[in-house]
Protein backbone atom coordinates (compact mmCIF):
# COMPACT_ATOMS: atom_id res chain seq x y z
CA UNK A 1 -16.57 -15.06 -22.61
CA UNK A 2 -18.42 -12.70 -19.90
CA UNK A 3 -19.83 -15.61 -17.82
CA UNK A 4 -16.33 -17.06 -17.80
CA UNK A 5 -14.80 -14.02 -16.56
CA UNK A 6 -17.79 -13.43 -13.94
CA UNK A 7 -17.07 -17.13 -12.87
CA UNK A 8 -13.41 -16.75 -12.43
CA UNK A 9 -13.60 -13.63 -10.48
CA UNK A 10 -16.21 -15.36 -8.10
CA UNK A 11 -13.87 -18.23 -7.67
CA UNK A 12 -10.92 -15.77 -6.87
CA UNK A 13 -12.99 -13.91 -4.51
CA UNK A 14 -14.05 -17.26 -2.82
CA UNK A 15 -10.40 -18.67 -2.62
CA UNK A 16 -9.50 -15.62 -0.85
CA UNK A 17 -12.36 -15.19 1.59
CA UNK A 18 -12.51 -18.72 2.53
CA UNK A 19 -8.66 -18.88 3.49
CA UNK A 20 -9.11 -16.26 6.06
CA UNK A 21 -9.56 -16.94 9.52
CA UNK A 22 -10.46 -14.73 12.67
CA UNK A 23 -8.62 -15.38 15.92
CA UNK A 24 -9.34 -13.46 19.31
CA UNK A 25 -6.51 -12.33 21.70
CA UNK A 26 -5.85 -10.48 24.95
CA UNK A 27 -2.89 -8.62 26.20
CA UNK A 28 -1.41 -5.85 26.80
CA UNK A 29 -0.17 -2.62 24.79
CA UNK A 30 2.45 -0.76 27.32
CA UNK A 31 0.80 -2.55 30.40
CA UNK A 32 -2.62 -1.22 29.47
CA UNK A 33 -4.96 -4.47 29.18
CA UNK A 34 -6.19 -4.81 25.40
CA UNK A 35 -8.55 -7.22 23.43
CA UNK A 36 -8.04 -7.71 19.86
CA UNK A 37 -9.06 -9.74 16.89
CA UNK A 38 -7.01 -10.57 14.10
CA UNK A 39 -8.23 -12.05 10.45
CA UNK A 40 -5.43 -13.90 8.57
CA UNK A 41 -5.65 -14.47 5.07
CA UNK A 42 -3.10 -17.36 4.03
CA UNK A 43 -3.64 -16.99 0.45
CA UNK A 44 -2.70 -13.38 0.09
CA UNK A 45 -0.36 -13.36 3.26
CA UNK A 46 -2.28 -10.52 5.20
CA UNK A 47 -3.44 -9.82 8.46
CA UNK A 48 -6.21 -7.29 9.24
CA UNK A 49 -8.15 -6.77 12.58
CA UNK A 50 -8.43 -4.44 15.48
CA UNK A 51 -7.77 -3.91 19.09
CA UNK A 52 -9.03 -1.65 22.00
CA UNK A 53 -8.00 -0.94 25.55
CA UNK A 54 -10.43 -2.75 28.22
CA UNK A 55 -10.53 0.60 29.93
CA UNK A 56 -11.91 2.39 26.85
CA UNK A 57 -13.45 0.13 24.43
CA UNK A 58 -15.11 2.55 22.29
CA UNK A 59 -11.47 3.75 21.15
CA UNK A 60 -10.70 1.03 18.60
CA UNK A 61 -7.42 0.83 16.52
CA UNK A 62 -7.49 -0.75 13.12
CA UNK A 63 -4.42 -3.17 12.19
CA UNK A 64 -3.67 -4.21 8.80
CA UNK A 65 -0.10 -6.03 7.66
CA UNK A 66 1.72 -9.04 5.90
CA UNK A 67 2.73 -12.27 7.08
CA UNK A 68 5.05 -13.01 4.39
CA UNK A 69 7.29 -15.10 7.08
CA UNK A 70 6.27 -18.01 9.50
CA UNK A 71 6.27 -16.20 12.89
CA UNK A 72 6.66 -12.62 11.80
CA UNK A 73 3.71 -10.15 11.15
CA UNK A 74 4.55 -6.60 9.86
CA UNK A 75 1.78 -4.47 10.96
CA UNK A 76 0.26 -0.73 10.80
CA UNK A 77 -2.34 0.76 13.03
CA UNK A 78 -4.58 3.29 12.51
CA UNK A 79 -7.14 5.29 14.51
CA UNK A 80 -9.89 7.13 12.96
CA UNK A 81 -8.16 6.06 9.39
CA UNK A 82 -5.07 7.92 10.26
CA UNK A 83 -1.72 5.95 10.92
CA UNK A 84 -0.76 5.79 14.36
CA UNK A 85 2.30 3.05 14.41
CA UNK A 86 4.01 0.53 12.62
CA UNK A 87 6.00 -2.28 13.82
CA UNK A 88 7.01 -6.16 13.82
CA UNK A 89 5.29 -8.87 15.96
CA UNK A 90 6.92 -12.11 16.56
CA UNK A 91 5.41 -15.56 17.31
CA UNK A 92 6.31 -17.52 20.26
CA UNK A 93 4.82 -20.36 22.15
CA UNK A 94 4.72 -20.22 26.00
CA UNK A 95 2.91 -22.26 28.12
CA UNK A 96 0.91 -23.83 25.57
CA UNK A 97 -0.36 -20.34 24.37
CA UNK A 98 0.13 -18.69 21.13
CA UNK A 99 2.13 -15.31 21.76
CA UNK A 100 2.68 -12.40 19.27
CA UNK A 101 4.68 -9.50 20.68
CA UNK A 102 6.89 -6.75 19.48
CA UNK A 103 7.43 -2.90 19.44
CA UNK A 104 5.25 -0.48 17.77
CA UNK A 105 6.87 2.67 16.70
CA UNK A 106 4.18 5.33 17.10
CA UNK A 107 4.15 8.33 14.61
CA UNK A 108 4.44 10.73 17.36
CA UNK A 109 7.84 9.54 18.07
CA UNK A 110 7.35 7.53 21.15
CA UNK A 111 7.42 3.63 21.29
CA UNK A 112 5.23 1.07 22.65
CA UNK A 113 5.25 -2.61 23.41
CA UNK A 114 2.61 -4.92 22.24
CA UNK A 115 1.65 -8.43 23.58
CA UNK A 116 -1.10 -10.60 22.29
CA UNK A 117 -2.00 -14.11 23.50
CA UNK A 118 -4.47 -16.97 22.95
CA UNK A 119 -4.98 -20.48 23.76
CA UNK A 120 -3.49 -22.93 21.19
């Protein structure tokens, strides 16, 4: 019984981790250049990752969210473990490139526009 339970847990973990795919993006946040990586888990319908401004690569923001609908991700962003913003990014195709873009509402009351792109 214990071996069966351990094997089942291992298979579930493998299924979730093997369906995760990391992709690398460049883009802007309010016209400042950023680099990002997003890890997609198609089984759990989640996305996680990080981004940083190229002008200050030591200041890394963490991203987590959901991808329940095709072409839409709901994200939360964090800095130093503290929530800094939430928003929705929408997927489009432009000139053969994948683009995720949308508004982020920041916890300080401001908003920013995020634009991420990569080749297909």
